[in-house]
Amino acid sequence: ALMKNPEARGDQLKLRDWVRANTATTYRVVETSRFSDERADAAEALGYAEHSPEQIAALVRASFDANEDVRDNAIRALEVLCNLGTEVTGRIPAARFVPMLHSLVWTDRNKASALFLVLSKSRDPAVLDALRAGALGPLCEMAQWRDWGHAAFVAAILARLGGIPDDQVTPAKVPEILKAVQ
């Protein structure tokens, strides 16, 4: 995902060029650095690496780092990469991310819901089953948040679980969506 702002985009392209020339170092830092800020920076940078199964696997591992900034950057990168299609989404163990929807850490819940928004888009039965079995409680809670910008992700996920079309997801439809998944 490249920004439209020319200066920011230029910085992103420089990062992409650097990480592609230093991929092995980036993998090593995200996996082994004792400094969480270095691991967080490496997780962000990995999103710009050459797309590969190793990239996805490293980002999945970083998604469960002890540090929330590392997790945040890794899951954000996975979410963006998921837009490339099934070659990425098929490599992400969706059920492993379900517990993050129960987290007391805001960024875990926020990024996991953003990831599940993309993973559930195809209405893959395995993804929907994992959510249904392990996350209905927190999803129902989040869908009722007052900030629609955050609740909308989760309302869309629940709508998919309830068989409701995406174009019908609105704040006014949340009670109907919740009823459909109960």
N, C-alpha and C. Protein backbone atom coordinates (compact mmCIF):
# COMPACT_ATOMS: atom_id res chain seq x y z
N ALA A 1 0.86 -1.17 0.00
CA ALA A 1 0.00 0.00 0.00
C ALA A 1 0.90 1.23 0.00
N LEU A 2 0.87 1.95 -1.08
CA LEU A 2 1.70 3.14 -1.18
C LEU A 2 0.82 4.38 -1.06
N MET A 3 1.30 5.35 -0.30
CA MET A 3 0.55 6.59 -0.09
C MET A 3 0.55 7.44 -1.35
N LYS A 4 -0.43 8.32 -1.44
CA LYS A 4 -0.52 9.22 -2.59
C LYS A 4 0.38 10.44 -2.42
N ASN A 5 0.61 10.85 -1.18
CA ASN A 5 1.49 11.99 -0.92
C ASN A 5 2.87 11.67 -1.50
N PRO A 6 3.37 12.51 -2.42
CA PRO A 6 4.63 12.20 -3.12
C PRO A 6 5.83 12.01 -2.18
N GLU A 7 5.93 12.82 -1.14
CA GLU A 7 7.07 12.69 -0.23
C GLU A 7 6.98 11.38 0.56
N ALA A 8 5.80 11.08 1.09
CA ALA A 8 5.62 9.83 1.85
C ALA A 8 5.80 8.63 0.94
N ARG A 9 5.28 8.72 -0.27
CA ARG A 9 5.42 7.62 -1.22
C ARG A 9 6.89 7.39 -1.56
N GLY A 10 7.63 8.48 -1.72
CA GLY A 10 9.06 8.37 -1.99
C GLY A 10 9.79 7.66 -0.86
N ASP A 11 9.42 7.98 0.39
CA ASP A 11 10.03 7.31 1.54
C ASP A 11 9.67 5.82 1.55
N GLN A 12 8.43 5.52 1.22
CA GLN A 12 8.01 4.11 1.18
C GLN A 12 8.78 3.35 0.10
N LEU A 13 8.98 3.97 -1.05
CA LEU A 13 9.72 3.31 -2.12
C LEU A 13 11.18 3.10 -1.75
N LYS A 14 11.76 4.05 -1.00
CA LYS A 14 13.13 3.88 -0.51
C LYS A 14 13.19 2.69 0.46
N LEU A 15 12.20 2.60 1.35
CA LEU A 15 12.15 1.49 2.29
C LEU A 15 12.01 0.17 1.54
N ARG A 16 11.14 0.15 0.53
CA ARG A 16 10.95 -1.06 -0.26
C ARG A 16 12.27 -1.49 -0.92
N ASP A 17 12.97 -0.53 -1.51
CA ASP A 17 14.24 -0.85 -2.16
C ASP A 17 15.26 -1.36 -1.14
N TRP A 18 15.30 -0.72 0.04
CA TRP A 18 16.26 -1.14 1.06
C TRP A 18 15.95 -2.55 1.55
N VAL A 19 14.69 -2.81 1.89
CA VAL A 19 14.35 -4.12 2.45
C VAL A 19 14.52 -5.22 1.42
N ARG A 20 14.28 -4.93 0.17
CA ARG A 20 14.48 -5.95 -0.87
C ARG A 20 15.96 -6.25 -1.07
N ALA A 21 16.81 -5.28 -0.80
CA ALA A 21 18.25 -5.51 -0.88
C ALA A 21 18.81 -6.12 0.40
N ASN A 22 18.03 -6.06 1.49
CA ASN A 22 18.50 -6.52 2.80
C ASN A 22 17.48 -7.42 3.47
N THR A 23 16.84 -8.27 2.69
CA THR A 23 15.76 -9.11 3.22
C THR A 23 16.24 -10.03 4.33
N ALA A 24 17.36 -10.67 4.16
CA ALA A 24 17.85 -11.60 5.19
C ALA A 24 18.09 -10.89 6.51
N THR A 25 18.64 -9.69 6.45
CA THR A 25 18.86 -8.90 7.66
C THR A 25 17.53 -8.54 8.31
N THR A 26 16.55 -8.18 7.50
CA THR A 26 15.24 -7.80 8.03
C THR A 26 14.58 -8.99 8.72
N TYR A 27 14.64 -10.16 8.11
CA TYR A 27 14.10 -11.36 8.75
C TYR A 27 14.81 -11.62 10.09
N ARG A 28 16.13 -11.50 10.09
CA ARG A 28 16.90 -11.77 11.30
C ARG A 28 16.52 -10.79 12.42
N VAL A 29 16.37 -9.52 12.07
CA VAL A 29 16.02 -8.51 13.09
C VAL A 29 14.63 -8.77 13.65
N VAL A 30 13.64 -9.03 12.80
CA VAL A 30 12.27 -9.24 13.29
C VAL A 30 12.19 -10.48 14.17
N GLU A 31 13.04 -11.45 13.91
CA GLU A 31 12.99 -12.72 14.64
C GLU A 31 13.86 -12.71 15.90
N THR A 32 14.96 -11.95 15.89
CA THR A 32 15.93 -12.16 16.98
C THR A 32 16.37 -10.92 17.74
N SER A 33 16.05 -9.73 17.27
CA SER A 33 16.54 -8.54 17.98
C SER A 33 16.00 -8.50 19.40
N ARG A 34 16.84 -8.12 20.33
CA ARG A 34 16.37 -8.00 21.71
C ARG A 34 15.68 -6.67 21.95
N PHE A 35 15.69 -5.80 20.93
CA PHE A 35 15.08 -4.48 21.05
C PHE A 35 13.74 -4.47 20.31
N SER A 36 12.68 -4.23 21.06
CA SER A 36 11.34 -4.30 20.46
C SER A 36 11.14 -3.24 19.37
N ASP A 37 11.75 -2.06 19.51
CA ASP A 37 11.57 -1.05 18.47
C ASP A 37 12.21 -1.49 17.15
N GLU A 38 13.32 -2.21 17.23
CA GLU A 38 13.94 -2.75 16.01
C GLU A 38 13.06 -3.82 15.39
N ARG A 39 12.48 -4.69 16.23
CA ARG A 39 11.58 -5.73 15.71
C ARG A 39 10.35 -5.10 15.08
N ALA A 40 9.82 -4.04 15.70
CA ALA A 40 8.64 -3.36 15.15
C ALA A 40 8.96 -2.73 13.80
N ASP A 41 10.11 -2.08 13.70
CA ASP A 41 10.51 -1.48 12.42
C ASP A 41 10.71 -2.56 11.35
N ALA A 42 11.31 -3.67 11.75
CA ALA A 42 11.54 -4.75 10.79
C ALA A 42 10.22 -5.37 10.34
N ALA A 43 9.26 -5.49 11.25
CA ALA A 43 7.94 -6.04 10.87
C ALA A 43 7.26 -5.12 9.86
N GLU A 44 7.35 -3.81 10.09
CA GLU A 44 6.79 -2.88 9.12
C GLU A 44 7.49 -3.00 7.77
N ALA A 45 8.81 -3.06 7.82
CA ALA A 45 9.59 -3.15 6.58
C ALA A 45 9.28 -4.42 5.81
N LEU A 46 9.03 -5.53 6.52
CA LEU A 46 8.74 -6.79 5.83
C LEU A 46 7.52 -6.70 4.92
N GLY A 47 6.63 -5.80 5.22
CA GLY A 47 5.49 -5.61 4.34
C GLY A 47 5.89 -5.16 2.94
N TYR A 48 7.08 -4.60 2.82
CA TYR A 48 7.58 -4.11 1.53
C TYR A 48 8.54 -5.10 0.87
N ALA A 49 8.80 -6.22 1.52
CA ALA A 49 9.71 -7.22 0.96
C ALA A 49 9.08 -7.87 -0.27
N GLU A 50 9.92 -8.58 -1.01
CA GLU A 50 9.41 -9.36 -2.14
C GLU A 50 8.41 -10.37 -1.60
N HIS A 51 7.25 -10.46 -2.23
CA HIS A 51 6.20 -11.36 -1.74
C HIS A 51 6.63 -12.81 -1.86
N SER A 52 6.51 -13.52 -0.73
CA SER A 52 6.92 -14.93 -0.70
C SER A 52 6.26 -15.62 0.48
N PRO A 53 6.23 -16.94 0.45
CA PRO A 53 5.74 -17.68 1.62
C PRO A 53 6.54 -17.37 2.88
N GLU A 54 7.86 -17.14 2.73
CA GLU A 54 8.70 -16.81 3.88
C GLU A 54 8.29 -15.47 4.48
N GLN A 55 7.95 -14.51 3.63
CA GLN A 55 7.51 -13.20 4.11
C GLN A 55 6.25 -13.35 4.96
N ILE A 56 5.27 -14.08 4.44
CA ILE A 56 4.01 -14.26 5.17
C ILE A 56 4.27 -15.00 6.48
N ALA A 57 5.07 -16.06 6.43
CA ALA A 57 5.36 -16.83 7.65
C ALA A 57 6.05 -15.96 8.70
N ALA A 58 6.98 -15.13 8.29
CA ALA A 58 7.68 -14.25 9.24
C ALA A 58 6.72 -13.23 9.84
N LEU A 59 5.82 -12.70 9.02
CA LEU A 59 4.85 -11.74 9.53
C LEU A 59 3.85 -12.40 10.47
N VAL A 60 3.46 -13.63 10.18
CA VAL A 60 2.56 -14.35 11.09
C VAL A 60 3.26 -14.56 12.43
N ARG A 61 4.52 -15.00 12.40
CA ARG A 61 5.25 -15.18 13.66
C ARG A 61 5.36 -13.86 14.43
N ALA A 62 5.67 -12.77 13.72
CA ALA A 62 5.80 -11.47 14.37
C ALA A 62 4.47 -10.98 14.92
N SER A 63 3.37 -11.47 14.38
CA SER A 63 2.04 -11.09 14.87
C SER A 63 1.79 -11.56 16.29
N PHE A 64 2.64 -12.44 16.78
CA PHE A 64 2.48 -12.98 18.14
C PHE A 64 3.68 -12.63 19.02
N ASP A 65 4.41 -11.60 18.63
CA ASP A 65 5.53 -11.10 19.41
C ASP A 65 5.03 -10.62 20.78
N ALA A 66 5.90 -10.60 21.76
CA ALA A 66 5.53 -10.13 23.10
C ALA A 66 5.22 -8.64 23.11
N ASN A 67 5.73 -7.90 22.14
CA ASN A 67 5.55 -6.45 22.10
C ASN A 67 4.37 -6.07 21.20
N GLU A 68 3.49 -5.22 21.72
CA GLU A 68 2.29 -4.87 20.95
C GLU A 68 2.59 -4.06 19.69
N ASP A 69 3.66 -3.27 19.67
CA ASP A 69 3.99 -2.51 18.46
C ASP A 69 4.46 -3.44 17.34
N VAL A 70 5.18 -4.48 17.70
CA VAL A 70 5.61 -5.46 16.71
C VAL A 70 4.38 -6.16 16.14
N ARG A 71 3.48 -6.60 17.03
CA ARG A 71 2.25 -7.26 16.58
C ARG A 71 1.45 -6.34 15.68
N ASP A 72 1.31 -5.09 16.09
CA ASP A 72 0.54 -4.11 15.33
C ASP A 72 1.09 -3.95 13.91
N ASN A 73 2.39 -3.77 13.79
CA ASN A 73 2.99 -3.58 12.47
C ASN A 73 2.90 -4.84 11.62
N ALA A 74 3.10 -6.00 12.24
CA ALA A 74 3.05 -7.25 11.49
C ALA A 74 1.65 -7.53 10.96
N ILE A 75 0.65 -7.35 11.81
CA ILE A 75 -0.72 -7.64 11.37
C ILE A 75 -1.18 -6.61 10.34
N ARG A 76 -0.78 -5.35 10.50
CA ARG A 76 -1.12 -4.34 9.50
C ARG A 76 -0.54 -4.74 8.14
N ALA A 77 0.71 -5.20 8.14
CA ALA A 77 1.33 -5.63 6.87
C ALA A 77 0.59 -6.82 6.28
N LEU A 78 0.21 -7.78 7.13
CA LEU A 78 -0.54 -8.94 6.62
C LEU A 78 -1.87 -8.50 6.01
N GLU A 79 -2.54 -7.59 6.69
CA GLU A 79 -3.84 -7.13 6.19
C GLU A 79 -3.69 -6.50 4.80
N VAL A 80 -2.68 -5.67 4.64
CA VAL A 80 -2.45 -5.04 3.33
C VAL A 80 -2.12 -6.10 2.28
N LEU A 81 -1.25 -7.05 2.65
CA LEU A 81 -0.86 -8.09 1.70
C LEU A 81 -2.02 -9.00 1.32
N CYS A 82 -2.98 -9.17 2.23
CA CYS A 82 -4.14 -10.02 1.93
C CYS A 82 -4.92 -9.53 0.72
N ASN A 83 -4.82 -8.26 0.44
CA ASN A 83 -5.52 -7.71 -0.73
C ASN A 83 -4.94 -8.21 -2.04
N LEU A 84 -3.78 -8.87 -1.97
CA LEU A 84 -3.19 -9.46 -3.18
C LEU A 84 -3.94 -10.70 -3.62
N GLY A 85 -4.67 -11.33 -2.70
CA GLY A 85 -5.48 -12.48 -3.08
C GLY A 85 -5.20 -13.73 -2.28
N THR A 86 -5.72 -14.84 -2.80
CA THR A 86 -5.68 -16.10 -2.07
C THR A 86 -4.27 -16.66 -1.88
N GLU A 87 -3.32 -16.22 -2.70
CA GLU A 87 -1.95 -16.70 -2.48
C GLU A 87 -1.41 -16.20 -1.15
N VAL A 88 -1.97 -15.13 -0.62
CA VAL A 88 -1.60 -14.64 0.71
C VAL A 88 -2.59 -15.14 1.75
N THR A 89 -3.87 -14.93 1.52
CA THR A 89 -4.87 -15.29 2.54
C THR A 89 -4.83 -16.78 2.86
N GLY A 90 -4.53 -17.60 1.88
CA GLY A 90 -4.46 -19.04 2.10
C GLY A 90 -3.29 -19.46 2.98
N ARG A 91 -2.32 -18.60 3.17
CA ARG A 91 -1.15 -18.90 3.99
C ARG A 91 -1.29 -18.39 5.42
N ILE A 92 -2.38 -17.72 5.71
CA ILE A 92 -2.56 -17.16 7.05
C ILE A 92 -3.46 -18.08 7.87
N PRO A 93 -2.94 -18.59 8.99
CA PRO A 93 -3.74 -19.48 9.84
C PRO A 93 -4.77 -18.66 10.64
N ALA A 94 -5.91 -18.44 10.03
CA ALA A 94 -6.91 -17.54 10.59
C ALA A 94 -7.28 -17.88 12.03
N ALA A 95 -7.48 -19.14 12.32
CA ALA A 95 -7.90 -19.54 13.67
C ALA A 95 -6.89 -19.10 14.73
N ARG A 96 -5.65 -19.01 14.36
CA ARG A 96 -4.62 -18.59 15.31
C ARG A 96 -4.82 -17.14 15.77
N PHE A 97 -5.49 -16.32 14.95
CA PHE A 97 -5.68 -14.90 15.27
C PHE A 97 -6.96 -14.65 16.08
N VAL A 98 -7.83 -15.64 16.20
CA VAL A 98 -9.09 -15.46 16.93
C VAL A 98 -8.88 -14.97 18.36
N PRO A 99 -7.94 -15.52 19.13
CA PRO A 99 -7.76 -15.03 20.51
C PRO A 99 -7.44 -13.54 20.61
N MET A 100 -6.89 -12.96 19.55
CA MET A 100 -6.59 -11.53 19.59
C MET A 100 -7.85 -10.69 19.69
N LEU A 101 -8.96 -11.23 19.23
CA LEU A 101 -10.23 -10.50 19.33
C LEU A 101 -10.71 -10.42 20.78
N HIS A 102 -10.12 -11.22 21.66
CA HIS A 102 -10.44 -11.21 23.09
C HIS A 102 -9.44 -10.35 23.89
N SER A 103 -8.42 -9.86 23.24
CA SER A 103 -7.34 -9.17 23.93
C SER A 103 -7.81 -7.92 24.66
N LEU A 104 -7.12 -7.59 25.73
CA LEU A 104 -7.35 -6.33 26.43
C LEU A 104 -6.54 -5.20 25.80
N VAL A 105 -5.69 -5.54 24.85
CA VAL A 105 -4.86 -4.55 24.17
C VAL A 105 -5.62 -4.06 22.93
N TRP A 106 -5.86 -2.76 22.88
CA TRP A 106 -6.65 -2.16 21.81
C TRP A 106 -6.10 -2.52 20.42
N THR A 107 -4.79 -2.38 20.22
CA THR A 107 -4.25 -2.61 18.88
C THR A 107 -4.41 -4.07 18.45
N ASP A 108 -4.37 -5.01 19.40
CA ASP A 108 -4.60 -6.41 19.03
C ASP A 108 -6.01 -6.58 18.47
N ARG A 109 -7.00 -6.04 19.17
CA ARG A 109 -8.38 -6.18 18.73
C ARG A 109 -8.61 -5.45 17.41
N ASN A 110 -8.07 -4.24 17.32
CA ASN A 110 -8.26 -3.42 16.12
C ASN A 110 -7.64 -4.08 14.89
N LYS A 111 -6.38 -4.51 15.02
CA LYS A 111 -5.71 -5.09 13.85
C LYS A 111 -6.27 -6.47 13.52
N ALA A 112 -6.62 -7.26 14.55
CA ALA A 112 -7.20 -8.57 14.26
C ALA A 112 -8.54 -8.42 13.55
N SER A 113 -9.35 -7.43 13.96
CA SER A 113 -10.63 -7.24 13.27
C SER A 113 -10.41 -6.76 11.83
N ALA A 114 -9.41 -5.91 11.61
CA ALA A 114 -9.10 -5.47 10.24
C ALA A 114 -8.63 -6.66 9.39
N LEU A 115 -7.81 -7.52 10.00
CA LEU A 115 -7.35 -8.71 9.27
C LEU A 115 -8.53 -9.63 8.95
N PHE A 116 -9.41 -9.86 9.92
CA PHE A 116 -10.56 -10.73 9.67
C PHE A 116 -11.55 -10.11 8.68
N LEU A 117 -11.58 -8.80 8.60
CA LEU A 117 -12.44 -8.17 7.59
C LEU A 117 -12.00 -8.62 6.20
N VAL A 118 -10.69 -8.64 5.97
CA VAL A 118 -10.16 -9.07 4.67
C VAL A 118 -10.28 -10.59 4.51
N LEU A 119 -9.93 -11.34 5.57
CA LEU A 119 -9.97 -12.80 5.47
C LEU A 119 -11.38 -13.34 5.28
N SER A 120 -12.37 -12.63 5.79
CA SER A 120 -13.76 -13.11 5.68
C SER A 120 -14.45 -12.65 4.40
N LYS A 121 -13.79 -11.81 3.64
CA LYS A 121 -14.41 -11.25 2.43
C LYS A 121 -14.90 -12.32 1.46
N SER A 122 -14.13 -13.39 1.34
CA SER A 122 -14.51 -14.46 0.42
C SER A 122 -15.53 -15.41 1.05
N ARG A 123 -15.82 -15.17 2.33
CA ARG A 123 -16.75 -16.01 3.11
C ARG A 123 -16.27 -17.46 3.17
N ASP A 124 -14.95 -17.60 3.28
CA ASP A 124 -14.32 -18.91 3.42
C ASP A 124 -14.92 -19.60 4.66
N PRO A 125 -15.51 -20.78 4.49
CA PRO A 125 -16.15 -21.46 5.63
C PRO A 125 -15.19 -21.70 6.80
N ALA A 126 -13.93 -21.99 6.55
CA ALA A 126 -12.98 -22.23 7.64
C ALA A 126 -12.79 -20.97 8.48
N VAL A 127 -12.69 -19.82 7.82
CA VAL A 127 -12.53 -18.55 8.55
C VAL A 127 -13.80 -18.25 9.33
N LEU A 128 -14.95 -18.37 8.68
CA LEU A 128 -16.21 -18.08 9.35
C LEU A 128 -16.46 -19.04 10.51
N ASP A 129 -16.12 -20.31 10.34
CA ASP A 129 -16.29 -21.28 11.43
C ASP A 129 -15.39 -20.95 12.61
N ALA A 130 -14.16 -20.55 12.34
CA ALA A 130 -13.23 -20.19 13.42
C ALA A 130 -13.78 -19.00 14.21
N LEU A 131 -14.30 -18.02 13.49
CA LEU A 131 -14.88 -16.85 14.16
C LEU A 131 -16.13 -17.21 14.95
N ARG A 132 -16.97 -18.00 14.36
CA ARG A 132 -18.22 -18.41 15.01
C ARG A 132 -17.92 -19.19 16.29
N ALA A 133 -16.94 -20.08 16.22
CA ALA A 133 -16.62 -20.94 17.36
C ALA A 133 -15.88 -20.20 18.47
N GLY A 134 -15.09 -19.21 18.11
CA GLY A 134 -14.23 -18.63 19.13
C GLY A 134 -14.32 -17.15 19.39
N ALA A 135 -15.17 -16.43 18.66
CA ALA A 135 -15.11 -14.96 18.82
C ALA A 135 -16.45 -14.25 18.77
N LEU A 136 -17.56 -14.95 18.83
CA LEU A 136 -18.85 -14.25 18.73
C LEU A 136 -19.02 -13.20 19.82
N GLY A 137 -18.62 -13.53 21.05
CA GLY A 137 -18.76 -12.57 22.16
C GLY A 137 -18.07 -11.25 21.90
N PRO A 138 -16.75 -11.28 21.67
CA PRO A 138 -16.08 -10.00 21.43
C PRO A 138 -16.52 -9.31 20.14
N LEU A 139 -16.86 -10.08 19.11
CA LEU A 139 -17.33 -9.45 17.87
C LEU A 139 -18.65 -8.72 18.11
N CYS A 140 -19.55 -9.34 18.83
CA CYS A 140 -20.84 -8.69 19.12
C CYS A 140 -20.64 -7.43 19.96
N GLU A 141 -19.72 -7.50 20.91
CA GLU A 141 -19.42 -6.32 21.72
C GLU A 141 -18.87 -5.19 20.86
N MET A 142 -17.87 -5.50 20.02
CA MET A 142 -17.22 -4.47 19.21
C MET A 142 -18.17 -3.87 18.18
N ALA A 143 -19.10 -4.66 17.67
CA ALA A 143 -20.05 -4.16 16.67
C ALA A 143 -20.95 -3.08 17.25
N GLN A 144 -21.03 -3.02 18.56
CA GLN A 144 -21.89 -2.03 19.21
C GLN A 144 -21.13 -0.81 19.72
N TRP A 145 -19.85 -0.73 19.40
CA TRP A 145 -19.08 0.45 19.80
C TRP A 145 -19.69 1.69 19.18
N ARG A 146 -19.60 2.79 19.89
CA ARG A 146 -20.18 4.06 19.42
C ARG A 146 -19.43 4.62 18.22
N ASP A 147 -18.16 4.36 18.13
CA ASP A 147 -17.36 4.85 17.00
C ASP A 147 -17.57 3.91 15.82
N TRP A 148 -18.40 4.32 14.88
CA TRP A 148 -18.73 3.47 13.74
C TRP A 148 -17.50 3.14 12.91
N GLY A 149 -16.52 4.03 12.88
CA GLY A 149 -15.30 3.75 12.13
C GLY A 149 -14.61 2.48 12.60
N HIS A 150 -14.72 2.15 13.87
CA HIS A 150 -14.15 0.92 14.40
C HIS A 150 -15.18 -0.20 14.43
N ALA A 151 -16.41 0.11 14.73
CA ALA A 151 -17.46 -0.91 14.80
C ALA A 151 -17.81 -1.46 13.42
N ALA A 152 -17.64 -0.67 12.39
CA ALA A 152 -18.04 -1.08 11.04
C ALA A 152 -17.31 -2.34 10.57
N PHE A 153 -16.00 -2.44 10.88
CA PHE A 153 -15.23 -3.64 10.50
C PHE A 153 -15.92 -4.88 11.03
N VAL A 154 -16.23 -4.81 12.32
CA VAL A 154 -16.76 -5.98 13.01
C VAL A 154 -18.20 -6.25 12.60
N ALA A 155 -18.97 -5.20 12.38
CA ALA A 155 -20.35 -5.39 11.91
C ALA A 155 -20.34 -6.10 10.56
N ALA A 156 -19.39 -5.76 9.71
CA ALA A 156 -19.29 -6.42 8.40
C ALA A 156 -18.92 -7.90 8.56
N ILE A 157 -18.00 -8.18 9.48
CA ILE A 157 -17.63 -9.58 9.74
C ILE A 157 -18.84 -10.35 10.23
N LEU A 158 -19.57 -9.78 11.19
CA LEU A 158 -20.76 -10.45 11.72
C LEU A 158 -21.83 -10.61 10.64
N ALA A 159 -21.98 -9.62 9.78
CA ALA A 159 -22.95 -9.74 8.70
C ALA A 159 -22.60 -10.93 7.81
N ARG A 160 -21.34 -11.11 7.55
CA ARG A 160 -20.92 -12.26 6.74
C ARG A 160 -21.23 -13.56 7.46
N LEU A 161 -21.04 -13.59 8.77
CA LEU A 161 -21.38 -14.78 9.56
C LEU A 161 -22.89 -15.04 9.52
N GLY A 162 -23.67 -13.97 9.45
CA GLY A 162 -25.12 -14.10 9.45
C GLY A 162 -25.75 -14.18 8.07
N GLY A 163 -24.92 -14.20 7.03
CA GLY A 163 -25.44 -14.30 5.66
C GLY A 163 -26.05 -13.01 5.13
N ILE A 164 -25.68 -11.89 5.71
CA ILE A 164 -26.20 -10.59 5.28
C ILE A 164 -25.21 -9.96 4.31
N PRO A 165 -25.68 -9.45 3.17
CA PRO A 165 -24.77 -8.85 2.19
C PRO A 165 -24.02 -7.64 2.75
N ASP A 166 -22.80 -7.47 2.30
CA ASP A 166 -21.95 -6.36 2.76
C ASP A 166 -22.61 -5.00 2.56
N ASP A 167 -23.34 -4.83 1.48
CA ASP A 167 -23.92 -3.51 1.20
C ASP A 167 -25.06 -3.15 2.14
N GLN A 168 -25.43 -4.05 3.02
CA GLN A 168 -26.49 -3.77 3.99
C GLN A 168 -25.93 -3.44 5.38
N VAL A 169 -24.64 -3.36 5.50
CA VAL A 169 -24.02 -3.08 6.80
C VAL A 169 -24.02 -1.57 7.05
N THR A 170 -24.88 -1.17 7.98
CA THR A 170 -24.99 0.23 8.40
C THR A 170 -25.18 0.25 9.92
N PRO A 171 -24.97 1.38 10.55
CA PRO A 171 -25.21 1.45 12.00
C PRO A 171 -26.64 1.03 12.37
N ALA A 172 -27.61 1.41 11.56
CA ALA A 172 -29.00 1.08 11.86
C ALA A 172 -29.28 -0.42 11.75
N LYS A 173 -28.46 -1.13 10.98
CA LYS A 173 -28.67 -2.57 10.78
C LYS A 173 -27.98 -3.44 11.83
N VAL A 174 -27.20 -2.84 12.74
CA VAL A 174 -26.46 -3.63 13.73
C VAL A 174 -27.38 -4.54 14.54
N PRO A 175 -28.54 -4.07 15.05
CA PRO A 175 -29.39 -5.01 15.80
C PRO A 175 -29.83 -6.22 14.96
N GLU A 176 -30.13 -6.00 13.69
CA GLU A 176 -30.51 -7.11 12.81
C GLU A 176 -29.32 -8.06 12.57
N ILE A 177 -28.15 -7.48 12.42
CA ILE A 177 -26.93 -8.29 12.22
C ILE A 177 -26.68 -9.15 13.46
N LEU A 178 -26.78 -8.52 14.63
CA LEU A 178 -26.56 -9.26 15.88
C LEU A 178 -27.57 -10.40 16.03
N LYS A 179 -28.81 -10.14 15.68
CA LYS A 179 -29.84 -11.17 15.75
C LYS A 179 -29.54 -12.33 14.80
N ALA A 180 -28.97 -12.02 13.64
CA ALA A 180 -28.69 -13.04 12.63
C ALA A 180 -27.60 -14.01 13.08
N VAL A 181 -26.73 -13.60 13.99
CA VAL A 181 -25.66 -14.48 14.44
C VAL A 181 -25.93 -15.13 15.80
N GLN A 182 -27.01 -14.77 16.42
CA GLN A 182 -27.33 -15.34 17.75
C GLN A 182 -27.87 -16.73 17.64
